[in-house]
C-alpha cells in the first residue's frame, strides 16, 4: 500500500516493558511501576486510551500534551479501564437481549405469511431492491452452510436444507437479520417496531447504532471517552428527549471549540456529526423497557451510576455525554409503571 508523502512515516521504536513504564513515570504518573503486570497483560497501547484524558491540554492549541495533569496516578487509569470493562459487559448483555427479540419477532411476523417467506420476494415489500435482496440471500446462504449447530444439521440431513423462518433467523448474523427486516413489507416492519415503542423509520435509524455498538463490544474496543458515528433518531419520544438535548449541547460545544481558528472550524464543518455513548445507551434502555426487561435496563442505570467521577478531570458529561439530572428522567424511573404497562 502506498504511503502518504505529505505525512511522516511512523518511526517510534519498540520499547521493553521496563522502558514503557519508565516513559509513563517520566511524564508524571509515578506509580506506574506498581502495575507492571497490567502493562504485560493489557498492553501499553490499549492502556494509553485510558490515560489519554489524564494528559494535560495545551491552552494555546487545545491539543493534548505528553505530560499528565497534576495528581494523575496509574491507579486512576486502571479504574477507568475496569469501568469500561463493566460498561462493555452490561452492553453485551443488553444488546444480546435485543438481538434475540429481533430474531423472534422477525421469524414470528414474517413467518405468519409463509414459513419460507424470506426466500419468496412476493412476500416482501413491493419496491424490493433486487441487489440488496440478492446480497442478503447470498450472505445468509453462506452462513447457513457453515453453521454446525444441531438444528442446522437437522435441516441439512433430514430435509432439503432450507430452514423455516423461525429457525433461519437463528442462523442469521445480525447484519443478515437487519437486511431481511429492511426487505419486509411496511406493515410487517410497523408491527415489529411497535413492540419497541417506535415507528419503523426510527427503528431503522437505530440499526446502525446497534451494529456499531455490538461490533465495538465484541472487539473489546474502548467505549468510554470516545465518539460514535451513528446518531439515533430520538423521534420526539418523551423518554428520550433529554438524550436528544444532551447530544445537541455536545455538538454545540464541539462547534464552539472549533471556532478557535479558521482551520479547525472548516474541518468541523466538513466532518461527520458524531455523538457520545449516552444517547445510544438511552435508546437501548428504551428498547429494553418496551420489551418488559426492566432488570436489564436497571443494570445499565447502575453502570452509569458507577462512573468514577472522583478520578481527576473525569466528567460524565464530557466523556460519555451523560446529562445533568439524568437519573430524574422518566426513562430511568423504575418506581413508575413500565412503559408497556402505561400504554
Protein backbone atom coordinates (compact mmCIF):
# COMPACT_ATOMS: atom_id res chain seq x y z
CA UNK A 1 0.00 0.00 0.00
CA UNK A 2 1.38 3.41 -0.96
CA UNK A 3 2.37 5.97 1.63
CA UNK A 4 1.03 9.46 2.05
CA UNK A 5 4.10 11.50 1.10
CA UNK A 6 2.77 14.56 2.91
CA UNK A 7 2.93 12.88 6.31
CA UNK A 8 5.92 11.45 8.19
CA UNK A 9 6.42 7.71 8.42
CA UNK A 10 5.89 6.26 11.93
CA UNK A 11 9.35 5.65 13.34
CA UNK A 12 8.89 5.33 17.10
CA UNK A 13 10.97 2.44 18.48
CA UNK A 14 9.81 -0.75 20.16
CA UNK A 15 10.01 -0.43 23.96
CA UNK A 16 10.53 -3.12 26.57
CA UNK A 17 8.05 -3.31 29.45
CA UNK A 18 10.51 -1.54 31.75
CA UNK A 19 11.00 1.22 29.19
CA UNK A 20 7.24 1.60 28.76
CA UNK A 21 6.77 2.00 32.50
CA UNK A 22 9.69 4.45 32.75
CA UNK A 23 8.23 6.59 29.98
CA UNK A 24 4.87 6.83 31.73
CA UNK A 25 6.55 7.69 35.04
CA UNK A 26 8.74 10.35 33.39
CA UNK A 27 5.57 12.04 32.20
CA UNK A 28 4.25 12.33 35.76
CA UNK A 29 2.47 9.10 36.67
CA UNK A 30 4.97 7.95 39.27
CA UNK A 31 3.12 4.84 40.50
CA UNK A 32 3.20 3.10 37.09
CA UNK A 33 5.87 0.62 38.29
CA UNK A 34 3.31 -0.86 40.68
CA UNK A 35 1.30 -2.03 37.66
CA UNK A 36 3.90 -3.97 35.68
CA UNK A 37 1.52 -6.94 35.45
CA UNK A 38 -1.12 -4.74 33.80
CA UNK A 39 1.39 -3.47 31.23
CA UNK A 40 2.23 -7.09 30.38
CA UNK A 41 -1.36 -8.34 30.38
CA UNK A 42 -3.24 -5.41 28.80
CA UNK A 43 -0.55 -3.62 26.82
CA UNK A 44 0.82 -0.09 26.63
CA UNK A 45 -1.15 0.84 23.52
CA UNK A 46 -4.55 -0.23 24.86
CA UNK A 47 -3.89 1.39 28.23
CA UNK A 48 -2.91 4.65 26.53
CA UNK A 49 -6.57 5.17 25.60
CA UNK A 50 -7.40 5.33 29.30
CA UNK A 51 -4.62 7.68 30.33
CA UNK A 52 -5.28 9.96 27.34
CA UNK A 53 -7.90 12.07 29.21
CA UNK A 54 -5.39 12.46 32.06
CA UNK A 55 -2.87 14.20 29.79
CA UNK A 56 -2.51 17.96 30.10
CA UNK A 57 -4.03 20.24 27.46
CA UNK A 58 -2.07 22.97 25.70
CA UNK A 59 -4.22 26.04 26.30
CA UNK A 60 -2.95 27.73 23.14
CA UNK A 61 -3.74 24.88 20.73
CA UNK A 62 -6.24 22.78 22.64
CA UNK A 63 -4.14 19.66 21.94
CA UNK A 64 -3.07 17.06 24.47
CA UNK A 65 0.49 17.16 25.77
CA UNK A 66 2.54 14.11 26.75
CA UNK A 67 2.68 15.16 30.41
CA UNK A 68 -0.11 14.17 32.80
CA UNK A 69 -2.26 16.50 34.88
CA UNK A 70 -1.20 17.06 38.46
CA UNK A 71 -2.36 14.28 40.76
CA UNK A 72 -2.85 11.70 38.00
CA UNK A 73 -1.98 8.17 39.09
CA UNK A 74 -1.91 4.86 37.30
CA UNK A 75 -4.50 3.71 39.80
CA UNK A 76 -6.86 6.14 38.03
CA UNK A 77 -6.03 4.58 34.65
CA UNK A 78 -6.93 1.13 35.94
CA UNK A 79 -10.15 2.37 37.48
CA UNK A 80 -11.18 3.81 34.11
CA UNK A 81 -10.16 0.58 32.39
CA UNK A 82 -12.20 -1.57 34.78
CA UNK A 83 -15.17 0.76 34.46
CA UNK A 84 -15.02 0.35 30.70
CA UNK A 85 -14.96 -3.44 31.15
CA UNK A 86 -18.10 -3.15 33.31
CA UNK A 87 -19.76 -0.96 30.66
CA UNK A 88 -18.93 -3.42 27.86
CA UNK A 89 -20.29 -6.35 29.88
CA UNK A 90 -23.55 -4.51 30.61
CA UNK A 91 -23.99 -3.53 26.97
CA UNK A 92 -23.15 -7.02 25.74
CA UNK A 93 -25.91 -8.45 27.90
CA UNK A 94 -28.40 -5.73 26.90
CA UNK A 95 -27.66 -5.98 23.18
CA UNK A 96 -27.95 -9.77 23.31
CA UNK A 97 -31.48 -9.47 24.71
CA UNK A 98 -32.47 -7.02 21.96
CA UNK A 99 -30.91 -9.16 19.23
CA UNK A 100 -32.78 -12.28 20.41
CA UNK A 101 -36.04 -10.31 20.50
CA UNK A 102 -35.45 -9.08 16.93
CA UNK A 103 -34.84 -12.66 15.78
CA UNK A 104 -38.01 -13.97 17.42
CA UNK A 105 -40.23 -11.11 16.25
CA UNK A 106 -38.93 -11.29 12.67
CA UNK A 107 -39.49 -15.04 12.50
CA UNK A 108 -42.96 -14.70 14.01
CA UNK A 109 -44.26 -11.78 11.93
CA UNK A 110 -42.81 -12.76 8.55
CA UNK A 111 -43.30 -16.49 9.21
CA UNK A 112 -47.02 -15.84 9.55
CA UNK A 113 -47.08 -15.06 5.83
CA UNK A 114 -45.17 -18.19 4.91
CA UNK A 115 -42.60 -20.42 6.59
CA UNK A 116 -40.15 -19.60 3.80
CA UNK A 117 -41.22 -16.01 3.11
CA UNK A 118 -37.62 -14.82 3.31
CA UNK A 119 -36.92 -16.84 0.13
CA UNK A 120 -40.04 -15.59 -1.69
CA UNK A 121 -39.73 -12.00 -2.96
CA UNK A 122 -43.51 -11.81 -3.45
CA UNK A 123 -43.85 -11.99 0.34
CA UNK A 124 -41.59 -8.98 0.79
CA UNK A 125 -42.05 -5.27 0.09
CA UNK A 126 -43.29 -4.12 -3.32
CA UNK A 127 -40.28 -1.87 -4.01
CA UNK A 128 -37.78 -4.57 -3.09
CA UNK A 129 -34.24 -3.71 -4.19
CA UNK A 130 -33.13 -6.73 -6.21
CA UNK A 131 -29.43 -6.19 -5.50
CA UNK A 132 -29.90 -5.76 -1.74
CA UNK A 133 -32.12 -8.82 -1.60
CA UNK A 134 -29.69 -10.92 -3.64
CA UNK A 135 -26.86 -9.88 -1.31
CA UNK A 136 -28.93 -10.89 1.71
CA UNK A 137 -29.74 -14.33 0.25
CA UNK A 138 -26.12 -14.92 -0.75
CA UNK A 139 -24.74 -13.88 2.64
CA UNK A 140 -27.31 -15.90 4.60
CA UNK A 141 -26.74 -18.99 2.43
CA UNK A 142 -23.02 -18.86 3.26
CA UNK A 143 -23.78 -18.53 6.97
CA UNK A 144 -26.28 -21.41 6.89
CA UNK A 145 -23.83 -23.72 5.11
CA UNK A 146 -21.09 -23.24 7.69
CA UNK A 147 -23.45 -23.39 10.67
CA UNK A 148 -22.67 -26.61 12.56
CA UNK A 149 -25.35 -26.31 15.23
CA UNK A 150 -27.56 -29.36 15.72
CA UNK A 151 -30.65 -27.63 14.32
CA UNK A 152 -28.79 -26.67 11.12
CA UNK A 153 -27.52 -30.24 10.70
CA UNK A 154 -31.09 -31.45 11.24
CA UNK A 155 -32.42 -29.43 8.29
CA UNK A 156 -29.49 -30.44 6.08
CA UNK A 157 -29.70 -34.16 6.90
CA UNK A 158 -33.44 -34.71 7.25
CA UNK A 159 -34.82 -32.09 4.84
CA UNK A 160 -33.68 -30.24 1.71
CA UNK A 161 -31.58 -27.82 3.78
CA UNK A 162 -33.97 -24.89 3.65
CA UNK A 163 -34.93 -23.71 7.13
CA UNK A 164 -38.30 -22.23 8.10
CA UNK A 165 -38.07 -18.61 9.21
CA UNK A 166 -38.19 -19.35 12.92
CA UNK A 167 -35.05 -21.47 12.53
CA UNK A 168 -33.42 -19.40 9.78
CA UNK A 169 -33.39 -16.26 11.94
CA UNK A 170 -31.25 -18.15 14.47
CA UNK A 171 -28.65 -18.86 11.78
CA UNK A 172 -28.52 -15.26 10.55
CA UNK A 173 -25.88 -12.77 11.58
CA UNK A 174 -27.22 -9.52 12.98
CA UNK A 175 -26.42 -7.87 9.63
CA UNK A 176 -28.37 -10.62 7.81
CA UNK A 177 -31.31 -10.11 10.15
CA UNK A 178 -31.38 -6.34 9.66
CA UNK A 179 -31.06 -6.77 5.87
CA UNK A 180 -34.12 -9.03 5.94
CA UNK A 181 -36.05 -6.60 8.14
CA UNK A 182 -35.41 -3.83 5.61
CA UNK A 183 -36.79 -6.07 2.85
CA UNK A 184 -40.06 -6.73 4.68
CA UNK A 185 -43.39 -5.09 3.91
CA UNK A 186 -44.04 -1.77 5.70
CA UNK A 187 -46.92 -3.19 7.74
CA UNK A 188 -44.72 -6.03 8.99
CA UNK A 189 -41.97 -3.61 9.98
CA UNK A 190 -44.59 -1.44 11.70
CA UNK A 191 -45.66 -4.39 13.82
CA UNK A 192 -42.12 -5.17 14.90
CA UNK A 193 -41.26 -1.51 15.55
CA UNK A 194 -44.37 -1.10 17.70
CA UNK A 195 -43.04 -3.76 20.08
CA UNK A 196 -40.06 -1.46 20.67
CA UNK A 197 -42.26 1.63 21.08
CA UNK A 198 -41.25 3.48 17.90
CA UNK A 199 -42.08 3.92 14.23
CA UNK A 200 -40.37 1.77 11.62
CA UNK A 201 -38.38 4.83 10.49
CA UNK A 202 -36.92 5.38 13.93
CA UNK A 203 -36.20 1.69 14.40
CA UNK A 204 -34.35 1.67 11.08
CA UNK A 205 -32.18 4.58 12.28
CA UNK A 206 -31.32 2.53 15.38
CA UNK A 207 -29.96 -0.44 13.42
CA UNK A 208 -26.58 1.20 12.66
CA UNK A 209 -26.32 2.15 16.34
CA UNK A 210 -26.93 -1.46 17.40
CA UNK A 211 -24.39 -2.81 14.89
CA UNK A 212 -21.74 -0.21 15.75
CA UNK A 213 -22.04 -0.84 19.49
CA UNK A 214 -22.24 -4.61 19.10
CA UNK A 215 -19.06 -4.64 17.00
CA UNK A 216 -17.27 -2.38 19.48
CA UNK A 217 -18.24 -4.63 22.37
CA UNK A 218 -17.31 -7.82 20.50
CA UNK A 219 -13.87 -6.45 19.61
CA UNK A 220 -13.20 -5.20 23.14
CA UNK A 221 -12.97 -1.60 21.96
CA UNK A 222 -12.97 1.31 24.36
CA UNK A 223 -16.46 2.75 24.90
CA UNK A 224 -15.76 5.46 27.45
CA UNK A 225 -14.47 8.86 26.23
CA UNK A 226 -14.94 8.25 22.52
CA UNK A 227 -17.23 9.43 19.75
CA UNK A 228 -19.62 7.31 17.71
CA UNK A 229 -20.62 7.83 14.11
CA UNK A 230 -24.30 6.94 14.29
CA UNK A 231 -26.68 9.43 15.87
CA UNK A 232 -30.04 7.75 16.60
CA UNK A 233 -33.40 9.26 15.67
CA UNK A 234 -34.93 10.04 19.06
CA UNK A 235 -38.30 10.81 17.36
CA UNK A 236 -39.76 13.17 19.98
CA UNK A 237 -40.23 10.35 22.45
CA UNK A 238 -40.61 11.97 25.91
CA UNK A 239 -38.43 9.25 27.46
CA UNK A 240 -35.61 10.11 25.02
CA UNK A 241 -36.00 13.90 24.72
CA UNK A 242 -33.25 14.55 27.28
CA UNK A 243 -30.80 12.38 25.28
CA UNK A 244 -31.51 14.37 22.14
CA UNK A 245 -30.99 17.66 24.01
CA UNK A 246 -27.74 16.38 25.53
CA UNK A 247 -26.39 15.46 22.11
CA UNK A 248 -27.35 18.84 20.67
CA UNK A 249 -25.47 20.51 23.53
CA UNK A 250 -22.46 18.27 22.87
CA UNK A 251 -22.40 19.22 19.17
CA UNK A 252 -22.73 22.89 20.08
CA UNK A 253 -19.77 22.59 22.45
CA UNK A 254 -17.72 20.99 19.68
CA UNK A 255 -18.64 23.79 17.32
CA UNK A 256 -17.67 26.44 19.87
CA UNK A 257 -14.27 24.79 20.34
CA UNK A 258 -13.79 24.54 16.58
CA UNK A 259 -14.32 28.29 16.20
CA UNK A 260 -10.93 28.87 17.83
CA UNK A 261 -9.43 29.04 14.35
CA UNK A 262 -10.47 29.08 10.71
CA UNK A 263 -8.80 25.73 10.01
CA UNK A 264 -10.43 23.86 12.88
CA UNK A 265 -13.82 25.36 12.08
CA UNK A 266 -13.53 24.37 8.42
CA UNK A 267 -12.63 20.82 9.46
CA UNK A 268 -15.61 20.76 11.81
CA UNK A 269 -17.99 21.90 9.07
CA UNK A 270 -16.70 19.18 6.75
CA UNK A 271 -16.70 16.41 9.35
CA UNK A 272 -19.45 13.94 10.04
CA UNK A 273 -21.58 14.75 13.09
CA UNK A 274 -20.93 12.37 15.95
CA UNK A 275 -22.22 11.58 19.40
CA UNK A 276 -21.16 10.28 22.79
CA UNK A 277 -22.36 6.94 24.12
CA UNK A 278 -25.13 8.09 26.46
CA UNK A 279 -27.57 8.61 23.58
CA UNK A 280 -27.04 5.03 22.43
CA UNK A 281 -27.42 3.69 25.96
CA UNK A 282 -30.68 5.62 26.34
CA UNK A 283 -32.03 4.07 23.14
CA UNK A 284 -31.05 0.57 24.29
CA UNK A 285 -32.68 1.12 27.70
CA UNK A 286 -35.83 2.37 25.96
CA UNK A 287 -35.96 -0.75 23.77
CA UNK A 288 -35.46 -2.99 26.79
CA UNK A 289 -38.20 -1.30 28.79
CA UNK A 290 -40.63 -1.64 25.90
CA UNK A 291 -39.75 -5.33 25.80
CA UNK A 292 -40.58 -5.50 29.51
CA UNK A 293 -36.97 -6.23 30.52
CA UNK A 294 -36.57 -3.70 33.32
CA UNK A 295 -33.89 -5.78 35.01
CA UNK A 296 -31.55 -5.36 32.05
CA UNK A 297 -32.32 -1.64 31.78
CA UNK A 298 -31.71 -1.24 35.53
CA UNK A 299 -28.32 -2.87 35.07
CA UNK A 300 -27.44 -0.16 32.55
CA UNK A 301 -28.55 2.51 35.02
CA UNK A 302 -26.32 1.06 37.73
CA UNK A 303 -23.42 1.02 35.32
CA UNK A 304 -23.92 4.72 34.54
CA UNK A 305 -24.11 5.45 38.27
CA UNK A 306 -20.75 3.72 38.76
CA UNK A 307 -18.90 6.26 36.60
CA UNK A 308 -15.67 7.16 38.51
CA UNK A 309 -16.29 10.89 38.97
CA UNK A 310 -13.52 11.18 41.58
CA UNK A 311 -10.78 10.46 39.02
CA UNK A 312 -9.08 13.82 38.22
CA UNK A 313 -10.67 15.62 35.29
CA UNK A 314 -13.37 12.99 34.75
CA UNK A 315 -16.73 14.44 33.79
CA UNK A 316 -19.55 12.04 32.90
CA UNK A 317 -20.97 14.74 30.66
CA UNK A 318 -17.78 15.42 28.67
CA UNK A 319 -16.53 11.84 28.44
CA UNK A 320 -19.82 9.98 27.91
CA UNK A 321 -22.41 12.66 27.17
CA UNK A 322 -24.34 11.88 30.38
CA UNK A 323 -26.55 14.94 31.06
CA UNK A 324 -27.06 16.51 34.46
CA UNK A 325 -30.05 15.15 36.39
CA UNK A 326 -30.29 12.14 34.06
CA UNK A 327 -31.49 9.92 36.90
CA UNK A 328 -34.60 12.11 37.25
CA UNK A 329 -35.74 11.26 33.72
CA UNK A 330 -38.77 9.01 33.09
CA UNK A 331 -36.58 6.52 31.26
CA UNK A 332 -34.63 5.69 34.42
CA UNK A 333 -37.51 5.82 36.91
CA UNK A 334 -38.20 2.20 37.81
CA UNK A 335 -40.71 3.09 40.54
CA UNK A 336 -43.28 4.07 37.90
CA UNK A 337 -45.25 1.50 35.88
CA UNK A 338 -43.25 0.04 32.99
CA UNK A 339 -43.60 1.66 29.58
CA UNK A 340 -45.59 -1.36 28.40
CA UNK A 341 -47.99 -1.18 31.39
CA UNK A 342 -48.67 2.53 30.85
CA UNK A 343 -49.73 2.11 27.21
